[in-house]
């Protein structure tokens, strides 16, 4: 029994994407920073967040690593960790 079907043309839950030309690469850096921040806020340590970028199971993060390079991603994760890692926050 096949439980798949094509979505209706007006289905509001259909995923749609729009490509945006960004020769500066700034949008990719912003996406990588958001990804790092999200997982750091969930409590992942910086090393584990970096491992997510290295994993092909996370294609957007891994693509950012391949495009921006390891040093840039390492810097993005380190900067986000300064703000969002539990070990780096004061509980004043």
N, C-alpha and C. Protein backbone atom coordinates (compact mmCIF):
# COMPACT_ATOMS: atom_id res chain seq x y z
N UNK A 1 0.84 -1.16 0.00
CA UNK A 1 0.00 0.00 0.00
C UNK A 1 0.90 1.24 0.00
N UNK A 2 0.73 2.09 -0.97
CA UNK A 2 1.51 3.32 -1.11
C UNK A 2 0.80 4.45 -0.38
N UNK A 3 1.46 5.00 0.65
CA UNK A 3 0.85 6.05 1.45
C UNK A 3 1.32 7.44 1.04
N UNK A 4 2.03 7.53 -0.08
CA UNK A 4 2.48 8.84 -0.54
C UNK A 4 1.54 9.37 -1.60
N UNK A 5 1.43 10.67 -1.66
CA UNK A 5 0.64 11.31 -2.71
C UNK A 5 1.24 12.68 -2.97
N UNK A 6 1.06 13.17 -4.12
CA UNK A 6 1.53 14.50 -4.48
C UNK A 6 0.65 15.52 -3.76
N UNK A 7 1.27 16.60 -3.25
CA UNK A 7 0.45 17.62 -2.57
C UNK A 7 -0.43 18.36 -3.56
N UNK A 8 -1.53 18.84 -3.03
CA UNK A 8 -2.41 19.67 -3.84
C UNK A 8 -1.68 20.97 -4.18
N UNK A 9 -2.07 21.61 -5.26
CA UNK A 9 -1.39 22.82 -5.71
C UNK A 9 -1.45 23.95 -4.70
N UNK A 10 -2.51 24.01 -3.90
CA UNK A 10 -2.66 25.09 -2.93
C UNK A 10 -2.38 24.62 -1.49
N UNK A 11 -1.69 23.51 -1.32
CA UNK A 11 -1.38 22.97 0.00
C UNK A 11 -0.47 23.95 0.75
N UNK A 12 -0.92 24.51 1.89
CA UNK A 12 -0.11 25.50 2.61
C UNK A 12 1.11 24.89 3.29
N UNK A 13 1.18 23.57 3.41
CA UNK A 13 2.31 22.93 4.08
C UNK A 13 3.39 22.46 3.10
N UNK A 14 3.19 22.72 1.83
CA UNK A 14 4.20 22.36 0.85
C UNK A 14 5.42 23.25 1.03
N UNK A 15 6.59 22.64 1.09
CA UNK A 15 7.82 23.42 1.24
C UNK A 15 8.18 24.06 -0.08
N UNK A 16 8.50 25.32 -0.03
CA UNK A 16 8.92 26.06 -1.21
C UNK A 16 10.22 26.78 -0.86
N UNK A 17 11.11 26.86 -1.82
CA UNK A 17 12.37 27.55 -1.59
C UNK A 17 12.59 28.57 -2.70
N UNK A 18 13.29 29.61 -2.32
CA UNK A 18 13.63 30.65 -3.28
C UNK A 18 15.12 30.91 -3.17
N UNK A 19 15.81 30.81 -4.27
CA UNK A 19 17.23 31.10 -4.27
C UNK A 19 17.46 32.60 -4.31
N UNK A 20 18.44 33.03 -3.55
CA UNK A 20 18.79 34.45 -3.51
C UNK A 20 20.26 34.58 -3.87
N UNK A 21 20.55 35.38 -4.87
CA UNK A 21 21.93 35.59 -5.31
C UNK A 21 22.67 36.40 -4.25
N UNK A 22 23.76 35.86 -3.74
CA UNK A 22 24.54 36.55 -2.72
C UNK A 22 26.02 36.30 -2.98
N UNK A 23 26.63 37.08 -3.85
CA UNK A 23 28.03 36.84 -4.19
C UNK A 23 28.98 37.07 -3.01
N UNK A 24 28.55 37.79 -1.99
CA UNK A 24 29.42 38.04 -0.84
C UNK A 24 29.54 36.84 0.08
N UNK A 25 28.55 35.94 0.05
CA UNK A 25 28.55 34.78 0.94
C UNK A 25 28.06 35.11 2.34
N UNK A 26 27.64 36.35 2.56
CA UNK A 26 27.21 36.76 3.90
C UNK A 26 25.99 35.98 4.37
N UNK A 27 25.07 35.66 3.46
CA UNK A 27 23.89 34.90 3.88
C UNK A 27 24.27 33.51 4.35
N UNK A 28 25.28 32.90 3.73
CA UNK A 28 25.74 31.58 4.17
C UNK A 28 26.39 31.67 5.54
N UNK A 29 27.16 32.73 5.79
CA UNK A 29 27.76 32.94 7.11
C UNK A 29 26.67 33.13 8.17
N UNK A 30 25.64 33.89 7.82
CA UNK A 30 24.54 34.12 8.76
C UNK A 30 23.79 32.81 9.06
N UNK A 31 23.57 32.00 8.04
CA UNK A 31 22.91 30.71 8.24
C UNK A 31 23.75 29.82 9.15
N UNK A 32 25.06 29.79 8.92
CA UNK A 32 25.95 28.97 9.74
C UNK A 32 25.94 29.46 11.19
N UNK A 33 25.92 30.77 11.38
CA UNK A 33 25.88 31.33 12.74
C UNK A 33 24.57 30.97 13.43
N UNK A 34 23.47 31.03 12.71
CA UNK A 34 22.16 30.66 13.28
C UNK A 34 22.12 29.19 13.65
N UNK A 35 22.69 28.35 12.78
CA UNK A 35 22.75 26.91 13.05
C UNK A 35 23.56 26.66 14.31
N UNK A 36 24.74 27.28 14.41
CA UNK A 36 25.59 27.10 15.58
C UNK A 36 24.88 27.59 16.84
N UNK A 37 24.26 28.76 16.76
CA UNK A 37 23.55 29.32 17.91
C UNK A 37 22.43 28.40 18.37
N UNK A 38 21.68 27.87 17.43
CA UNK A 38 20.55 27.01 17.79
C UNK A 38 21.01 25.81 18.60
N UNK A 39 22.06 25.13 18.13
CA UNK A 39 22.51 23.93 18.84
C UNK A 39 23.23 24.27 20.14
N UNK A 40 23.94 25.38 20.19
CA UNK A 40 24.57 25.80 21.44
C UNK A 40 23.50 26.13 22.48
N UNK A 41 22.43 26.77 22.06
CA UNK A 41 21.34 27.11 22.98
C UNK A 41 20.62 25.86 23.48
N UNK A 42 20.68 24.79 22.70
CA UNK A 42 20.11 23.51 23.14
C UNK A 42 21.02 22.80 24.14
N UNK A 43 22.23 23.35 24.34
CA UNK A 43 23.15 22.77 25.31
C UNK A 43 24.28 21.94 24.71
N UNK A 44 24.36 21.90 23.37
CA UNK A 44 25.46 21.16 22.76
C UNK A 44 26.77 21.89 23.04
N UNK A 45 27.83 21.17 23.38
CA UNK A 45 29.13 21.82 23.53
C UNK A 45 29.68 22.22 22.15
N UNK A 46 30.56 23.21 22.10
CA UNK A 46 31.08 23.68 20.80
C UNK A 46 31.67 22.59 19.93
N UNK A 47 32.36 21.63 20.51
CA UNK A 47 32.94 20.54 19.71
C UNK A 47 31.89 19.70 19.02
N UNK A 48 30.79 19.49 19.70
CA UNK A 48 29.70 18.71 19.10
C UNK A 48 29.02 19.50 17.98
N UNK A 49 28.90 20.81 18.17
CA UNK A 49 28.32 21.66 17.11
C UNK A 49 29.22 21.61 15.88
N UNK A 50 30.52 21.72 16.10
CA UNK A 50 31.47 21.63 14.98
C UNK A 50 31.35 20.29 14.27
N UNK A 51 31.14 19.22 15.03
CA UNK A 51 30.96 17.89 14.43
C UNK A 51 29.72 17.83 13.54
N UNK A 52 28.68 18.60 13.89
CA UNK A 52 27.49 18.64 13.04
C UNK A 52 27.82 19.24 11.68
N UNK A 53 28.65 20.28 11.67
CA UNK A 53 29.07 20.88 10.40
C UNK A 53 29.90 19.88 9.57
N UNK A 54 30.63 19.02 10.25
CA UNK A 54 31.48 18.05 9.55
C UNK A 54 30.70 16.85 9.02
N UNK A 55 29.48 16.68 9.50
CA UNK A 55 28.69 15.50 9.14
C UNK A 55 27.87 15.72 7.88
N UNK A 56 27.97 14.78 6.92
CA UNK A 56 27.12 14.88 5.73
C UNK A 56 25.63 14.65 6.03
N UNK A 57 25.31 14.20 7.24
CA UNK A 57 23.91 14.02 7.63
C UNK A 57 23.20 15.36 7.85
N UNK A 58 23.99 16.44 7.93
CA UNK A 58 23.45 17.80 8.04
C UNK A 58 23.90 18.56 6.80
N UNK A 59 23.22 18.34 5.66
CA UNK A 59 23.73 18.85 4.39
C UNK A 59 23.89 20.37 4.30
N UNK A 60 23.02 21.15 4.91
CA UNK A 60 23.19 22.60 4.85
C UNK A 60 24.42 23.04 5.64
N UNK A 61 24.57 22.51 6.84
CA UNK A 61 25.73 22.85 7.66
C UNK A 61 27.01 22.34 7.00
N UNK A 62 26.98 21.13 6.49
CA UNK A 62 28.15 20.55 5.85
C UNK A 62 28.51 21.32 4.58
N UNK A 63 27.51 21.77 3.85
CA UNK A 63 27.75 22.58 2.66
C UNK A 63 28.39 23.91 3.02
N UNK A 64 27.96 24.49 4.15
CA UNK A 64 28.58 25.74 4.61
C UNK A 64 30.04 25.51 4.94
N UNK A 65 30.34 24.40 5.58
CA UNK A 65 31.73 24.06 5.90
C UNK A 65 32.56 23.94 4.62
N UNK A 66 32.02 23.24 3.64
CA UNK A 66 32.75 23.04 2.39
C UNK A 66 32.94 24.35 1.63
N UNK A 67 31.96 25.23 1.70
CA UNK A 67 32.03 26.50 0.97
C UNK A 67 32.88 27.54 1.69
N UNK A 68 32.66 27.68 2.99
CA UNK A 68 33.33 28.73 3.76
C UNK A 68 34.70 28.30 4.28
N UNK A 69 34.88 27.00 4.45
CA UNK A 69 36.15 26.48 4.95
C UNK A 69 36.13 26.27 6.46
N UNK A 70 36.99 25.36 6.89
CA UNK A 70 37.04 24.99 8.30
C UNK A 70 37.38 26.17 9.22
N UNK A 71 38.38 26.99 8.89
CA UNK A 71 38.71 28.10 9.79
C UNK A 71 37.53 29.07 10.01
N UNK A 72 36.77 29.34 8.97
CA UNK A 72 35.62 30.25 9.11
C UNK A 72 34.55 29.64 9.99
N UNK A 73 34.24 28.37 9.78
CA UNK A 73 33.21 27.70 10.59
C UNK A 73 33.68 27.60 12.04
N UNK A 74 34.95 27.28 12.24
CA UNK A 74 35.49 27.22 13.60
C UNK A 74 35.33 28.57 14.30
N UNK A 75 35.60 29.65 13.59
CA UNK A 75 35.44 31.00 14.14
C UNK A 75 33.98 31.30 14.45
N UNK A 76 33.08 30.91 13.55
CA UNK A 76 31.64 31.14 13.75
C UNK A 76 31.16 30.41 15.00
N UNK A 77 31.55 29.14 15.16
CA UNK A 77 31.14 28.36 16.33
C UNK A 77 31.74 28.95 17.60
N UNK A 78 33.02 29.33 17.55
CA UNK A 78 33.68 29.91 18.74
C UNK A 78 33.01 31.22 19.15
N UNK A 79 32.68 32.07 18.19
CA UNK A 79 32.02 33.33 18.51
C UNK A 79 30.63 33.10 19.10
N UNK A 80 29.90 32.16 18.53
CA UNK A 80 28.56 31.86 19.06
C UNK A 80 28.67 31.24 20.46
N UNK A 81 29.70 30.43 20.68
CA UNK A 81 29.88 29.79 21.99
C UNK A 81 30.17 30.81 23.08
N UNK A 82 30.84 31.89 22.73
CA UNK A 82 31.12 32.93 23.72
C UNK A 82 29.82 33.52 24.28
N UNK A 83 28.79 33.50 23.47
CA UNK A 83 27.51 34.07 23.88
C UNK A 83 26.56 33.01 24.43
N UNK A 84 26.49 31.86 23.75
CA UNK A 84 25.40 30.92 24.01
C UNK A 84 25.75 29.65 24.76
N UNK A 85 27.01 29.28 24.89
CA UNK A 85 27.33 28.06 25.62
C UNK A 85 27.04 28.25 27.11
N UNK A 86 26.42 27.29 27.74
CA UNK A 86 26.12 27.43 29.18
C UNK A 86 27.38 27.71 30.00
N UNK A 87 28.50 27.14 29.61
CA UNK A 87 29.74 27.35 30.36
C UNK A 87 30.24 28.77 30.26
N UNK A 88 29.79 29.51 29.24
CA UNK A 88 30.27 30.87 29.01
C UNK A 88 29.29 31.93 29.50
N UNK A 89 28.14 31.53 29.99
CA UNK A 89 27.13 32.49 30.44
C UNK A 89 27.23 32.65 31.96
N UNK A 90 27.02 33.85 32.42
CA UNK A 90 26.93 34.05 33.88
C UNK A 90 25.49 33.86 34.30
N UNK A 91 25.32 33.34 35.47
CA UNK A 91 23.96 33.10 35.98
C UNK A 91 23.65 34.08 37.10
N UNK A 92 24.24 35.30 36.99
CA UNK A 92 24.16 36.40 37.88
C UNK A 92 23.02 36.51 38.76
